[in-house]
Amino acid sequence: MPRNLELKARISSLAVARDDARLCGARFIAALRQTDTYFAVPYGRLKLRETDGERGELIYYNRDESRDERWSHYTLIPLSGPAALRDILSGSMGIAAVVRKAREVFFHGQSRIHLDEVDGLGTFIEFEVQGSGEAESLQEMEFLRKAFHVVPEGIVRSSYADLVVEGGIRR
């Protein structure tokens, strides 16, 4: 199962984050509109991601959400017909949460940088670092934290699904 090192933080300005991305050499990849439907599962998280104008993805992941930077183990399956699968999974498992967001995707080396405007929650930055080793990943994460001026009090340990369910108040 692949893994990456993740960090999420609240940000006050998407424009400032875009400038930070340009200054650190990140490449803009795409602007997307996504709907993530999270299903009620006993372990980990299972979500169906539907991206306007693109194929869907079924994503299963688990991670320890007690730390600021979290290792996430995940499996991703591309889908050509996500609506039918959403109906089957919601009918058989139940929906835990639905998250709608506008996402700007940037790459810095092997790392993905997401600038997210999440409906009902506000603006966030997410880093997904996919290094070849743990030390390399931690070093890249430190670089990104500094490049984007991420402060400890802005870090969010919860998933967007948890924040939607709890009204956006959890760290």
Protein backbone atom coordinates (compact mmCIF):
# COMPACT_ATOMS: atom_id res chain seq x y z
CA MET A 1 0.00 0.00 0.00
CA PRO A 2 1.56 3.35 -0.99
CA ARG A 3 2.09 5.98 1.69
CA ASN A 4 2.74 9.68 1.91
CA LEU A 5 3.40 12.29 4.58
CA GLU A 6 0.54 14.78 4.92
CA LEU A 7 -0.08 18.10 6.62
CA LYS A 8 -3.14 20.37 6.50
CA ALA A 9 -3.39 23.96 7.75
CA ARG A 10 -5.87 26.79 7.65
CA ILE A 11 -4.73 29.76 5.58
CA SER A 12 -6.10 33.27 5.42
CA SER A 13 -5.34 33.99 1.75
CA LEU A 14 -5.28 31.82 -1.35
CA ALA A 15 -3.58 34.68 -3.21
CA VAL A 16 -0.66 34.72 -0.73
CA ALA A 17 -0.38 30.92 -0.95
CA ARG A 18 -0.28 31.15 -4.78
CA ASP A 19 2.56 33.68 -4.48
CA ASP A 20 4.39 31.37 -2.06
CA ALA A 21 3.99 28.50 -4.54
CA ARG A 22 5.50 30.59 -7.33
CA LEU A 23 8.38 31.77 -5.10
CA CYS A 24 9.34 28.25 -4.01
CA GLY A 25 9.31 26.91 -7.58
CA ALA A 26 6.08 24.88 -7.42
CA ARG A 27 4.35 24.20 -10.75
CA PHE A 28 0.65 24.89 -11.15
CA ILE A 29 -1.11 21.77 -12.49
CA ALA A 30 -4.87 22.31 -12.39
CA ALA A 31 -7.89 24.03 -10.88
CA LEU A 32 -10.56 21.49 -9.96
CA ARG A 33 -14.02 21.31 -8.45
CA GLN A 34 -14.38 18.15 -6.36
CA THR A 35 -17.04 16.38 -4.32
CA ASP A 36 -15.81 13.76 -1.84
CA THR A 37 -18.44 11.39 -0.45
CA TYR A 38 -17.19 9.62 2.70
CA PHE A 39 -18.79 6.31 3.58
CA ALA A 40 -19.36 4.85 7.04
CA VAL A 41 -16.64 2.21 7.46
CA PRO A 42 -15.36 0.58 10.66
CA TYR A 43 -11.66 1.24 10.01
CA GLY A 44 -9.86 3.95 8.06
CA ARG A 45 -11.68 6.13 5.57
CA LEU A 46 -13.35 5.33 2.28
CA LYS A 47 -14.29 8.15 -0.05
CA LEU A 48 -15.52 8.51 -3.57
CA ARG A 49 -14.02 11.56 -5.26
CA GLU A 50 -15.93 13.06 -8.16
CA THR A 51 -14.05 15.77 -10.05
CA ASP A 52 -16.02 17.91 -12.52
CA GLY A 53 -15.13 16.95 -16.08
CA GLU A 54 -12.83 14.07 -15.07
CA ARG A 55 -12.96 10.44 -14.02
CA GLY A 56 -13.81 9.55 -10.45
CA GLU A 57 -11.63 7.83 -7.86
CA LEU A 58 -12.38 5.47 -5.01
CA ILE A 59 -9.84 6.17 -2.25
CA TYR A 60 -9.27 4.16 0.90
CA TYR A 61 -6.79 5.46 3.47
CA ASN A 62 -5.82 5.21 7.09
CA ARG A 63 -3.58 7.38 9.20
CA ASP A 64 -2.87 8.43 12.75
CA GLU A 65 -4.55 11.81 13.11
CA SER A 66 -2.95 12.59 16.48
CA ARG A 67 0.11 14.28 14.93
CA ASP A 68 0.50 17.44 12.86
CA GLU A 69 2.39 15.59 10.09
CA ARG A 70 0.75 12.24 9.44
CA TRP A 71 1.83 9.20 7.47
CA SER A 72 -1.09 8.06 5.35
CA HIS A 73 -1.38 4.61 3.76
CA TYR A 74 -3.75 4.66 0.81
CA THR A 75 -5.19 2.80 -2.15
CA LEU A 76 -6.65 4.67 -5.12
CA ILE A 77 -8.81 3.12 -7.85
CA PRO A 78 -9.69 5.22 -10.95
CA LEU A 79 -13.35 4.99 -12.00
CA SER A 80 -15.18 5.82 -15.19
CA GLY A 81 -18.69 5.71 -13.67
CA PRO A 82 -18.56 7.07 -10.11
CA ALA A 83 -22.28 7.92 -9.79
CA ALA A 84 -23.41 4.29 -9.88
CA LEU A 85 -20.78 3.27 -7.33
CA ARG A 86 -21.80 6.19 -5.08
CA ASP A 87 -25.37 4.90 -5.13
CA ILE A 88 -24.30 1.34 -4.29
CA LEU A 89 -21.93 2.34 -1.48
CA SER A 90 -24.30 4.88 0.06
CA GLY A 91 -27.13 2.32 0.03
CA SER A 92 -25.03 -0.46 1.52
CA MET A 93 -22.76 1.45 3.95
CA GLY A 94 -24.31 4.84 4.56
CA ILE A 95 -22.78 8.26 3.99
CA ALA A 96 -20.67 9.72 6.79
CA ALA A 97 -20.07 13.14 5.18
CA VAL A 98 -19.95 15.01 1.89
CA VAL A 99 -17.18 17.55 1.26
CA ARG A 100 -17.31 19.99 -1.67
CA LYS A 101 -14.27 22.05 -2.57
CA ALA A 102 -12.48 24.07 -5.18
CA ARG A 103 -8.87 22.83 -5.34
CA GLU A 104 -5.78 24.25 -6.99
CA VAL A 105 -3.05 21.64 -7.44
CA PHE A 106 0.67 22.43 -7.54
CA PHE A 107 3.72 20.14 -7.67
CA HIS A 108 7.03 20.73 -5.97
CA GLY A 109 9.30 17.84 -6.89
CA GLN A 110 7.38 14.69 -5.87
CA SER A 111 5.10 16.66 -3.53
CA ARG A 112 1.53 17.72 -4.19
CA ILE A 113 0.36 21.05 -2.80
CA HIS A 114 -3.38 21.67 -2.59
CA LEU A 115 -4.91 25.09 -2.09
CA ASP A 116 -8.49 24.35 -1.06
CA GLU A 117 -11.61 26.46 -0.65
CA VAL A 118 -13.90 24.04 1.20
CA ASP A 119 -17.62 24.80 1.21
CA GLY A 120 -18.67 25.82 4.72
CA LEU A 121 -15.16 25.49 6.20
CA GLY A 122 -12.89 28.10 4.58
CA THR A 123 -9.43 28.01 3.02
CA PHE A 124 -6.71 25.44 3.61
CA ILE A 125 -3.38 24.26 2.31
CA GLU A 126 -2.49 20.57 2.18
CA PHE A 127 0.89 19.01 1.52
CA GLU A 128 1.22 15.40 0.33
CA VAL A 129 4.91 14.49 0.31
CA GLN A 130 5.91 11.34 -1.56
CA GLY A 131 9.63 10.96 -1.00
CA SER A 132 11.68 7.85 -1.57
CA GLY A 133 12.51 7.62 2.14
CA GLU A 134 11.34 8.86 5.50
CA ALA A 135 14.21 11.33 6.03
CA GLU A 136 13.74 12.79 2.55
CA SER A 137 10.00 13.17 3.10
CA LEU A 138 10.48 14.89 6.46
CA GLN A 139 13.04 17.27 4.93
CA GLU A 140 10.68 18.17 2.07
CA MET A 141 7.82 18.72 4.54
CA GLU A 142 9.98 21.10 6.56
CA PHE A 143 10.85 23.02 3.38
CA LEU A 144 7.17 23.34 2.43
CA ARG A 145 6.13 24.42 5.92
CA LYS A 146 8.69 27.24 5.80
CA ALA A 147 8.00 28.21 2.18
CA PHE A 148 4.27 28.59 2.90
CA HIS A 149 4.69 30.12 6.38
CA VAL A 150 2.66 27.38 8.11
CA VAL A 151 2.39 28.17 11.81
CA PRO A 152 1.61 25.53 14.46
CA GLU A 153 -1.69 27.13 15.50
CA GLY A 154 -2.96 26.89 11.90
CA ILE A 155 -2.39 23.15 11.59
CA VAL A 156 -5.50 20.98 11.38
CA ARG A 157 -5.27 17.31 12.31
CA SER A 158 -8.83 16.43 11.30
CA SER A 159 -10.05 15.33 7.90
CA TYR A 160 -12.39 17.61 5.99
CA ALA A 161 -15.12 15.01 6.63
CA ASP A 162 -14.69 15.35 10.41
CA LEU A 163 -14.70 19.13 10.14
CA VAL A 164 -17.93 19.09 8.10
CA VAL A 165 -19.61 16.80 10.64
CA GLU A 166 -18.39 18.90 13.60
CA GLY A 167 -19.06 22.26 12.01
CA GLY A 168 -15.43 23.14 11.25
CA ILE A 169 -14.26 23.78 14.81
CA ARG A 170 -11.75 20.99 15.47
CA ARG A 171 -7.94 21.44 15.26
